[in-house]
Amino acid sequence: MPRILRFAIGSLFVFVIGAVMIAWACMSSGWETLSRFAWGCITAGVGLIGTVLLATLSAVIHRKWRRFSLVLMSGSVLLFIALLIFAKVA
């Protein structure tokens, strides 16, 4: 597995950590909720942008891993849409 793809998977985990922070902020109350939500948005945004960029770069460079890269990229976008739906409902 190429290193770029490993970094993309690591960036996906950063996105998941940010999503958990946002979910934690949606479930709690008080002034610290705003800081948790802000840090969660920053972390999830960096993770999502990193995953998409690295997966795209991997799909362009490594033809063998193109399908896995595209699945990783589409999975991260679907997780982002699920996060938006959760934040809208909560």
PDB file of N, CA and C in Angstrom:
ATOM      1  N   MET A   1       0.844  -1.171   0.000  1.00  0.00           N
ATOM      2  CA  MET A   1       0.000   0.000   0.000  1.00  0.00           C
ATOM      3  C   MET A   1       0.900   1.249   0.000  1.00  0.00           C
ATOM      4  N   PRO A   2       0.618   2.189  -0.881  1.00  0.00           N
ATOM      5  CA  PRO A   2       1.446   3.399  -0.945  1.00  0.00           C
ATOM      6  C   PRO A   2       1.323   4.267   0.313  1.00  0.00           C
ATOM      7  N   ARG A   3       2.364   5.012   0.564  1.00  0.00           N
ATOM      8  CA  ARG A   3       2.380   5.883   1.751  1.00  0.00           C
ATOM      9  C   ARG A   3       1.313   6.966   1.692  1.00  0.00           C
ATOM     10  N   ILE A   4       1.062   7.487   0.514  1.00  0.00           N
ATOM     11  CA  ILE A   4       0.056   8.537   0.378  1.00  0.00           C
ATOM     12  C   ILE A   4      -1.310   8.010   0.808  1.00  0.00           C
ATOM     13  N   LEU A   5      -1.602   6.777   0.452  1.00  0.00           N
ATOM     14  CA  LEU A   5      -2.880   6.178   0.823  1.00  0.00           C
ATOM     15  C   LEU A   5      -2.950   5.919   2.322  1.00  0.00           C
ATOM     16  N   ARG A   6      -1.838   5.565   2.930  1.00  0.00           N
ATOM     17  CA  ARG A   6      -1.802   5.399   4.385  1.00  0.00           C
ATOM     18  C   ARG A   6      -2.061   6.730   5.082  1.00  0.00           C
ATOM     19  N   PHE A   7      -1.480   7.803   4.556  1.00  0.00           N
ATOM     20  CA  PHE A   7      -1.737   9.126   5.129  1.00  0.00           C
ATOM     21  C   PHE A   7      -3.195   9.529   4.946  1.00  0.00           C
ATOM     22  N   ALA A   8      -3.809   9.125   3.840  1.00  0.00           N
ATOM     23  CA  ALA A   8      -5.225   9.421   3.612  1.00  0.00           C
ATOM     24  C   ALA A   8      -6.105   8.692   4.629  1.00  0.00           C
ATOM     25  N   ILE A   9      -5.748   7.448   4.932  1.00  0.00           N
ATOM     26  CA  ILE A   9      -6.501   6.696   5.937  1.00  0.00           C
ATOM     27  C   ILE A   9      -6.317   7.330   7.313  1.00  0.00           C
ATOM     28  N   GLY A  10      -5.099   7.772   7.609  1.00  0.00           N
ATOM     29  CA  GLY A  10      -4.858   8.475   8.871  1.00  0.00           C
ATOM     30  C   GLY A  10      -5.638   9.776   8.951  1.00  0.00           C
ATOM     31  N   SER A  11      -5.744  10.468   7.836  1.00  0.00           N
ATOM     32  CA  SER A  11      -6.520  11.702   7.789  1.00  0.00           C
ATOM     33  C   SER A  11      -8.011  11.423   7.964  1.00  0.00           C
ATOM     34  N   LEU A  12      -8.467  10.269   7.502  1.00  0.00           N
ATOM     35  CA  LEU A  12      -9.858   9.880   7.732  1.00  0.00           C
ATOM     36  C   LEU A  12     -10.119   9.674   9.220  1.00  0.00           C
ATOM     37  N   PHE A  13      -9.146   9.116   9.927  1.00  0.00           N
ATOM     38  CA  PHE A  13      -9.297   8.960  11.374  1.00  0.00           C
ATOM     39  C   PHE A  13      -9.337  10.318  12.073  1.00  0.00           C
ATOM     40  N   VAL A  14      -8.595  11.290  11.562  1.00  0.00           N
ATOM     41  CA  VAL A  14      -8.665  12.655  12.105  1.00  0.00           C
ATOM     42  C   VAL A  14     -10.067  13.222  11.901  1.00  0.00           C
ATOM     43  N   PHE A  15     -10.655  12.964  10.738  1.00  0.00           N
ATOM     44  CA  PHE A  15     -12.026  13.394  10.476  1.00  0.00           C
ATOM     45  C   PHE A  15     -13.003  12.741  11.449  1.00  0.00           C
ATOM     46  N   VAL A  16     -12.831  11.459  11.707  1.00  0.00           N
ATOM     47  CA  VAL A  16     -13.723  10.750  12.636  1.00  0.00           C
ATOM     48  C   VAL A  16     -13.590  11.327  14.045  1.00  0.00           C
ATOM     49  N   ILE A  17     -12.384  11.658  14.459  1.00  0.00           N
ATOM     50  CA  ILE A  17     -12.182  12.276  15.773  1.00  0.00           C
ATOM     51  C   ILE A  17     -12.909  13.620  15.838  1.00  0.00           C
ATOM     52  N   GLY A  18     -12.822  14.416  14.790  1.00  0.00           N
ATOM     53  CA  GLY A  18     -13.551  15.679  14.738  1.00  0.00           C
ATOM     54  C   GLY A  18     -15.055  15.480  14.768  1.00  0.00           C
ATOM     55  N   ALA A  19     -15.537  14.445  14.094  1.00  0.00           N
ATOM     56  CA  ALA A  19     -16.970  14.153  14.107  1.00  0.00           C
ATOM     57  C   ALA A  19     -17.441  13.747  15.500  1.00  0.00           C
ATOM     58  N   VAL A  20     -16.620  12.983  16.202  1.00  0.00           N
ATOM     59  CA  VAL A  20     -16.965  12.603  17.581  1.00  0.00           C
ATOM     60  C   VAL A  20     -16.991  13.838  18.476  1.00  0.00           C
ATOM     61  N   MET A  21     -16.066  14.765  18.263  1.00  0.00           N
ATOM     62  CA  MET A  21     -16.064  16.006  19.045  1.00  0.00           C
ATOM     63  C   MET A  21     -17.327  16.824  18.786  1.00  0.00           C
ATOM     64  N   ILE A  22     -17.779  16.875  17.541  1.00  0.00           N
ATOM     65  CA  ILE A  22     -19.001  17.598  17.212  1.00  0.00           C
ATOM     66  C   ILE A  22     -20.208  16.910  17.837  1.00  0.00           C
ATOM     67  N   ALA A  23     -20.243  15.584  17.774  1.00  0.00           N
ATOM     68  CA  ALA A  23     -21.353  14.850  18.388  1.00  0.00           C
ATOM     69  C   ALA A  23     -21.371  15.057  19.895  1.00  0.00           C
ATOM     70  N   TRP A  24     -20.208  15.087  20.515  1.00  0.00           N
ATOM     71  CA  TRP A  24     -20.116  15.337  21.951  1.00  0.00           C
ATOM     72  C   TRP A  24     -20.625  16.738  22.279  1.00  0.00           C
ATOM     73  N   ALA A  25     -20.304  17.696  21.434  1.00  0.00           N
ATOM     74  CA  ALA A  25     -20.774  19.066  21.654  1.00  0.00           C
ATOM     75  C   ALA A  25     -22.286  19.161  21.483  1.00  0.00           C
ATOM     76  N   CYS A  26     -22.849  18.396  20.560  1.00  0.00           N
ATOM     77  CA  CYS A  26     -24.299  18.433  20.352  1.00  0.00           C
ATOM     78  C   CYS A  26     -25.054  17.803  21.521  1.00  0.00           C
ATOM     79  N   MET A  27     -24.433  16.879  22.215  1.00  0.00           N
ATOM     80  CA  MET A  27     -25.097  16.196  23.328  1.00  0.00           C
ATOM     81  C   MET A  27     -24.958  16.931  24.656  1.00  0.00           C
ATOM     82  N   SER A  28     -24.003  17.837  24.773  1.00  0.00           N
ATOM     83  CA  SER A  28     -23.766  18.510  26.051  1.00  0.00           C
ATOM     84  C   SER A  28     -24.358  19.912  26.018  1.00  0.00           C
ATOM     85  N   SER A  29     -24.281  20.582  27.153  1.00  0.00           N
ATOM     86  CA  SER A  29     -24.802  21.947  27.241  1.00  0.00           C
ATOM     87  C   SER A  29     -23.793  22.816  27.988  1.00  0.00           C
ATOM     88  N   GLY A  30     -23.966  24.111  27.888  1.00  0.00           N
ATOM     89  CA  GLY A  30     -23.069  25.031  28.563  1.00  0.00           C
ATOM     90  C   GLY A  30     -22.174  25.750  27.578  1.00  0.00           C
ATOM     91  N   TRP A  31     -21.352  26.642  28.131  1.00  0.00           N
ATOM     92  CA  TRP A  31     -20.480  27.449  27.291  1.00  0.00           C
ATOM     93  C   TRP A  31     -19.341  26.644  26.664  1.00  0.00           C
ATOM     94  N   GLU A  32     -18.914  25.572  27.305  1.00  0.00           N
ATOM     95  CA  GLU A  32     -17.831  24.782  26.729  1.00  0.00           C
ATOM     96  C   GLU A  32     -18.279  24.050  25.472  1.00  0.00           C
ATOM     97  N   THR A  33     -19.588  23.977  25.234  1.00  0.00           N
ATOM     98  CA  THR A  33     -20.105  23.353  24.030  1.00  0.00           C
ATOM     99  C   THR A  33     -19.615  24.082  22.783  1.00  0.00           C
ATOM    100  N   LEU A  34     -19.544  25.406  22.859  1.00  0.00           N
ATOM    101  CA  LEU A  34     -19.106  26.177  21.695  1.00  0.00           C
ATOM    102  C   LEU A  34     -17.664  25.875  21.318  1.00  0.00           C
ATOM    103  N   SER A  35     -16.812  25.761  22.327  1.00  0.00           N
ATOM    104  CA  SER A  35     -15.414  25.461  22.006  1.00  0.00           C
ATOM    105  C   SER A  35     -15.257  24.036  21.490  1.00  0.00           C
ATOM    106  N   ARG A  36     -16.010  23.087  22.058  1.00  0.00           N
ATOM    107  CA  ARG A  36     -15.955  21.705  21.550  1.00  0.00           C
ATOM    108  C   ARG A  36     -16.447  21.635  20.117  1.00  0.00           C
ATOM    109  N   PHE A  37     -17.539  22.366  19.840  1.00  0.00           N
ATOM    110  CA  PHE A  37     -18.078  22.368  18.487  1.00  0.00           C
ATOM    111  C   PHE A  37     -17.091  23.006  17.509  1.00  0.00           C
ATOM    112  N   ALA A  38     -16.467  24.102  17.918  1.00  0.00           N
ATOM    113  CA  ALA A  38     -15.501  24.778  17.039  1.00  0.00           C
ATOM    114  C   ALA A  38     -14.285  23.898  16.771  1.00  0.00           C
ATOM    115  N   TRP A  39     -13.733  23.296  17.812  1.00  0.00           N
ATOM    116  CA  TRP A  39     -12.579  22.415  17.623  1.00  0.00           C
ATOM    117  C   TRP A  39     -12.957  21.188  16.807  1.00  0.00           C
ATOM    118  N   GLY A  40     -14.168  20.685  17.000  1.00  0.00           N
ATOM    119  CA  GLY A  40     -14.630  19.558  16.198  1.00  0.00           C
ATOM    120  C   GLY A  40     -14.765  19.913  14.732  1.00  0.00           C
ATOM    121  N   CYS A  41     -15.279  21.117  14.452  1.00  0.00           N
ATOM    122  CA  CYS A  41     -15.408  21.563  13.060  1.00  0.00           C
ATOM    123  C   CYS A  41     -14.049  21.728  12.402  1.00  0.00           C
ATOM    124  N   ILE A  42     -13.115  22.309  13.129  1.00  0.00           N
ATOM    125  CA  ILE A  42     -11.768  22.488  12.576  1.00  0.00           C
ATOM    126  C   ILE A  42     -11.104  21.140  12.320  1.00  0.00           C
ATOM    127  N   THR A  43     -11.193  20.240  13.291  1.00  0.00           N
ATOM    128  CA  THR A  43     -10.568  18.928  13.163  1.00  0.00           C
ATOM    129  C   THR A  43     -11.211  18.117  12.040  1.00  0.00           C
ATOM    130  N   ALA A  44     -12.534  18.110  11.987  1.00  0.00           N
ATOM    131  CA  ALA A  44     -13.228  17.359  10.938  1.00  0.00           C
ATOM    132  C   ALA A  44     -12.951  17.955   9.567  1.00  0.00           C
ATOM    133  N   GLY A  45     -12.886  19.271   9.476  1.00  0.00           N
ATOM    134  CA  GLY A  45     -12.593  19.908   8.193  1.00  0.00           C
ATOM    135  C   GLY A  45     -11.209  19.587   7.681  1.00  0.00           C
ATOM    136  N   VAL A  46     -10.229  19.662   8.570  1.00  0.00           N
ATOM    137  CA  VAL A  46      -8.854  19.322   8.181  1.00  0.00           C
ATOM    138  C   VAL A  46      -8.767  17.853   7.770  1.00  0.00           C
ATOM    139  N   GLY A  47      -9.434  16.986   8.528  1.00  0.00           N
ATOM    140  CA  GLY A  47      -9.414  15.566   8.195  1.00  0.00           C
ATOM    141  C   GLY A  47     -10.072  15.270   6.862  1.00  0.00           C
ATOM    142  N   LEU A  48     -11.205  15.933   6.599  1.00  0.00           N
ATOM    143  CA  LEU A  48     -11.908  15.695   5.347  1.00  0.00           C
ATOM    144  C   LEU A  48     -11.119  16.221   4.155  1.00  0.00           C
ATOM    145  N   ILE A  49     -10.599  17.427   4.267  1.00  0.00           N
ATOM    146  CA  ILE A  49      -9.815  17.992   3.165  1.00  0.00           C
ATOM    147  C   ILE A  49      -8.556  17.161   2.923  1.00  0.00           C
ATOM    148  N   GLY A  50      -7.903  16.737   4.005  1.00  0.00           N
ATOM    149  CA  GLY A  50      -6.715  15.900   3.854  1.00  0.00           C
ATOM    150  C   GLY A  50      -7.019  14.570   3.205  1.00  0.00           C
ATOM    151  N   THR A  51      -8.114  13.941   3.611  1.00  0.00           N
ATOM    152  CA  THR A  51      -8.488  12.653   3.030  1.00  0.00           C
ATOM    153  C   THR A  51      -8.777  12.786   1.546  1.00  0.00           C
ATOM    154  N   VAL A  52      -9.561  13.789   1.188  1.00  0.00           N
ATOM    155  CA  VAL A  52      -9.929  13.954  -0.226  1.00  0.00           C
ATOM    156  C   VAL A  52      -8.707  14.280  -1.081  1.00  0.00           C
ATOM    157  N   LEU A  53      -7.858  15.180  -0.612  1.00  0.00           N
ATOM    158  CA  LEU A  53      -6.676  15.537  -1.402  1.00  0.00           C
ATOM    159  C   LEU A  53      -5.705  14.368  -1.545  1.00  0.00           C
ATOM    160  N   LEU A  54      -5.437  13.684  -0.445  1.00  0.00           N
ATOM    161  CA  LEU A  54      -4.488  12.566  -0.507  1.00  0.00           C
ATOM    162  C   LEU A  54      -5.044  11.385  -1.294  1.00  0.00           C
ATOM    163  N   ALA A  55      -6.347  11.118  -1.161  1.00  0.00           N
ATOM    164  CA  ALA A  55      -6.940  10.022  -1.934  1.00  0.00           C
ATOM    165  C   ALA A  55      -6.964  10.355  -3.419  1.00  0.00           C
ATOM    166  N   THR A  56      -7.214  11.613  -3.749  1.00  0.00           N
ATOM    167  CA  THR A  56      -7.176  12.024  -5.154  1.00  0.00           C
ATOM    168  C   THR A  56      -5.765  11.909  -5.718  1.00  0.00           C
ATOM    169  N   LEU A  57      -4.795  12.365  -4.960  1.00  0.00           N
ATOM    170  CA  LEU A  57      -3.399  12.263  -5.386  1.00  0.00           C
ATOM    171  C   LEU A  57      -2.985  10.801  -5.564  1.00  0.00           C
ATOM    172  N   SER A  58      -3.420   9.953  -4.658  1.00  0.00           N
ATOM    173  CA  SER A  58      -3.107   8.529  -4.771  1.00  0.00           C
ATOM    174  C   SER A  58      -3.787   7.897  -5.985  1.00  0.00           C
ATOM    175  N   ALA A  59      -5.015   8.324  -6.263  1.00  0.00           N
ATOM    176  CA  ALA A  59      -5.724   7.772  -7.425  1.00  0.00           C
ATOM    177  C   ALA A  59      -5.053   8.185  -8.734  1.00  0.00           C
ATOM    178  N   VAL A  60      -4.472   9.377  -8.757  1.00  0.00           N
ATOM    179  CA  VAL A  60      -3.810   9.855  -9.970  1.00  0.00           C
ATOM    180  C   VAL A  60      -2.462   9.165 -10.158  1.00  0.00           C
ATOM    181  N   ILE A  61      -1.713   8.997  -9.065  1.00  0.00           N
ATOM    182  CA  ILE A  61      -0.348   8.466  -9.167  1.00  0.00           C
ATOM    183  C   ILE A  61      -0.329   6.943  -9.261  1.00  0.00           C
ATOM    184  N   HIS A  62      -1.064   6.266  -8.389  1.00  0.00           N
ATOM    185  CA  HIS A  62      -1.014   4.799  -8.296  1.00  0.00           C
ATOM    186  C   HIS A  62      -2.262   4.198  -8.935  1.00  0.00           C
ATOM    187  N   ARG A  63      -2.099   3.672 -10.123  1.00  0.00           N
ATOM    188  CA  ARG A  63      -3.245   3.136 -10.852  1.00  0.00           C
ATOM    189  C   ARG A  63      -3.792   1.855 -10.225  1.00  0.00           C
ATOM    190  N   LYS A  64      -2.954   1.064  -9.573  1.00  0.00           N
ATOM    191  CA  LYS A  64      -3.418  -0.172  -8.952  1.00  0.00           C
ATOM    192  C   LYS A  64      -4.391   0.107  -7.808  1.00  0.00           C
ATOM    193  N   TRP A  65      -4.175   1.200  -7.113  1.00  0.00           N
ATOM    194  CA  TRP A  65      -4.958   1.528  -5.923  1.00  0.00           C
ATOM    195  C   TRP A  65      -6.047   2.554  -6.211  1.00  0.00           C
ATOM    196  N   ARG A  66      -6.356   2.758  -7.462  1.00  0.00           N
ATOM    197  CA  ARG A  66      -7.330   3.791  -7.834  1.00  0.00           C
ATOM    198  C   ARG A  66      -8.715   3.507  -7.254  1.00  0.00           C
ATOM    199  N   ARG A  67      -9.183   2.287  -7.369  1.00  0.00           N
ATOM    200  CA  ARG A  67     -10.524   1.952  -6.880  1.00  0.00           C
ATOM    201  C   ARG A  67     -10.613   2.129  -5.364  1.00  0.00           C
ATOM    202  N   PHE A  68      -9.603   1.681  -4.643  1.00  0.00           N
ATOM    203  CA  PHE A  68      -9.590   1.843  -3.187  1.00  0.00           C
ATOM    204  C   PHE A  68      -9.548   3.322  -2.800  1.00  0.00           C
ATOM    205  N   SER A  69      -8.779   4.111  -3.543  1.00  0.00           N
ATOM    206  CA  SER A  69      -8.693   5.545  -3.269  1.00  0.00           C
ATOM    207  C   SER A  69     -10.038   6.227  -3.484  1.00  0.00           C
ATOM    208  N   LEU A  70     -10.720   5.862  -4.546  1.00  0.00           N
ATOM    209  CA  LEU A  70     -12.021   6.463  -4.820  1.00  0.00           C
ATOM    210  C   LEU A  70     -13.063   6.024  -3.804  1.00  0.00           C
ATOM    211  N   VAL A  71     -12.993   4.777  -3.353  1.00  0.00           N
ATOM    212  CA  VAL A  71     -13.903   4.309  -2.306  1.00  0.00           C
ATOM    213  C   VAL A  71     -13.634   5.051  -0.999  1.00  0.00           C
ATOM    214  N   LEU A  72     -12.370   5.253  -0.671  1.00  0.00           N
ATOM    215  CA  LEU A  72     -12.004   5.997   0.529  1.00  0.00           C
ATOM    216  C   LEU A  72     -12.502   7.439   0.455  1.00  0.00           C
ATOM    217  N   MET A  73     -12.351   8.056  -0.705  1.00  0.00           N
ATOM    218  CA  MET A  73     -12.788   9.431  -0.881  1.00  0.00           C
ATOM    219  C   MET A  73     -14.314   9.539  -0.799  1.00  0.00           C
ATOM    220  N   SER A  74     -15.021   8.653  -1.442  1.00  0.00           N
ATOM    221  CA  SER A  74     -16.480   8.705  -1.402  1.00  0.00           C
ATOM    222  C   SER A  74     -17.004   8.350  -0.011  1.00  0.00           C
ATOM    223  N   GLY A  75     -16.322   7.450   0.681  1.00  0.00           N
ATOM    224  CA  GLY A  75     -16.720   7.130   2.054  1.00  0.00           C
ATOM    225  C   GLY A  75     -16.568   8.309   2.988  1.00  0.00           C
ATOM    226  N   SER A  76     -15.507   9.077   2.815  1.00  0.00           N
ATOM    227  CA  SER A  76     -15.320  10.240   3.678  1.00  0.00           C
ATOM    228  C   SER A  76     -16.356  11.319   3.388  1.00  0.00           C
ATOM    229  N   VAL A  77     -16.728  11.477   2.128  1.00  0.00           N
ATOM    230  CA  VAL A  77     -17.769  12.453   1.788  1.00  0.00           C
ATOM    231  C   VAL A  77     -19.121  12.002   2.337  1.00  0.00           C
ATOM    232  N   LEU A  78     -19.412  10.709   2.268  1.00  0.00           N
ATOM    233  CA  LEU A  78     -20.666  10.198   2.832  1.00  0.00           C
ATOM    234  C   LEU A  78     -20.702  10.346   4.352  1.00  0.00           C
ATOM    235  N   LEU A  79     -19.570  10.141   5.009  1.00  0.00           N
ATOM    236  CA  LEU A  79     -19.518  10.376   6.450  1.00  0.00           C
ATOM    237  C   LEU A  79     -19.751  11.848   6.778  1.00  0.00           C
ATOM    238  N   PHE A  80     -19.237  12.734   5.936  1.00  0.00           N
ATOM    239  CA  PHE A  80     -19.465  14.158   6.138  1.00  0.00           C
ATOM    240  C   PHE A  80     -20.942  14.505   5.983  1.00  0.00           C
ATOM    241  N   ILE A  81     -21.611  13.931   5.003  1.00  0.00           N
ATOM    242  CA  ILE A  81     -23.041  14.175   4.822  1.00  0.00           C
ATOM    243  C   ILE A  81     -23.825  13.634   6.010  1.00  0.00           C
ATOM    244  N   ALA A  82     -23.447  12.458   6.514  1.00  0.00           N
ATOM    245  CA  ALA A  82     -24.106  11.912   7.701  1.00  0.00           C
ATOM    246  C   ALA A  82     -23.881  12.813   8.911  1.00  0.00           C
ATOM    247  N   LEU A  83     -22.700  13.391   9.021  1.00  0.00           N
ATOM    248  CA  LEU A  83     -22.414  14.321  10.118  1.00  0.00           C
ATOM    249  C   LEU A  83     -23.274  15.571  10.002  1.00  0.00           C
ATOM    250  N   LEU A  84     -23.450  16.082   8.799  1.00  0.00           N
ATOM    251  CA  LEU A  84     -24.312  17.249   8.600  1.00  0.00           C
ATOM    252  C   LEU A  84     -25.760  16.948   8.976  1.00  0.00           C
ATOM    253  N   ILE A  85     -26.239  15.779   8.593  1.00  0.00           N
ATOM    254  CA  ILE A  85     -27.607  15.396   8.952  1.00  0.00           C
ATOM    255  C   ILE A  85     -27.753  15.260  10.454  1.00  0.00           C
ATOM    256  N   PHE A  86     -26.769  14.647  11.123  1.00  0.00           N
ATOM    257  CA  PHE A  86     -26.808  14.501  12.572  1.00  0.00           C
ATOM    258  C   PHE A  86     -26.796  15.857  13.264  1.00  0.00           C
ATOM    259  N   ALA A  87     -25.952  16.771  12.789  1.00  0.00           N
ATOM    260  CA  ALA A  87     -25.862  18.093  13.413  1.00  0.00           C
ATOM    261  C   ALA A  87     -27.153  18.891  13.197  1.00  0.00           C
ATOM    262  N   LYS A  88     -27.803  18.690  12.062  1.00  0.00           N
ATOM    263  CA  LYS A  88     -29.054  19.391  11.793  1.00  0.00           C
ATOM    264  C   LYS A  88     -30.169  18.865  12.690  1.00  0.00           C
ATOM    265  N   VAL A  89     -30.198  17.571  12.928  1.00  0.00           N
ATOM    266  CA  VAL A  89     -31.242  16.965  13.761  1.00  0.00           C
ATOM    267  C   VAL A  89     -31.014  17.262  15.233  1.00  0.00           C
ATOM    268  N   ALA A  90     -29.749  17.229  15.667  1.00  0.00           N
ATOM    269  CA  ALA A  90     -29.449  17.438  17.078  1.00  0.00           C
ATOM    270  C   ALA A  90     -29.446  18.875  17.386  1.00  0.00           C
TER     271      ALA A  90
END
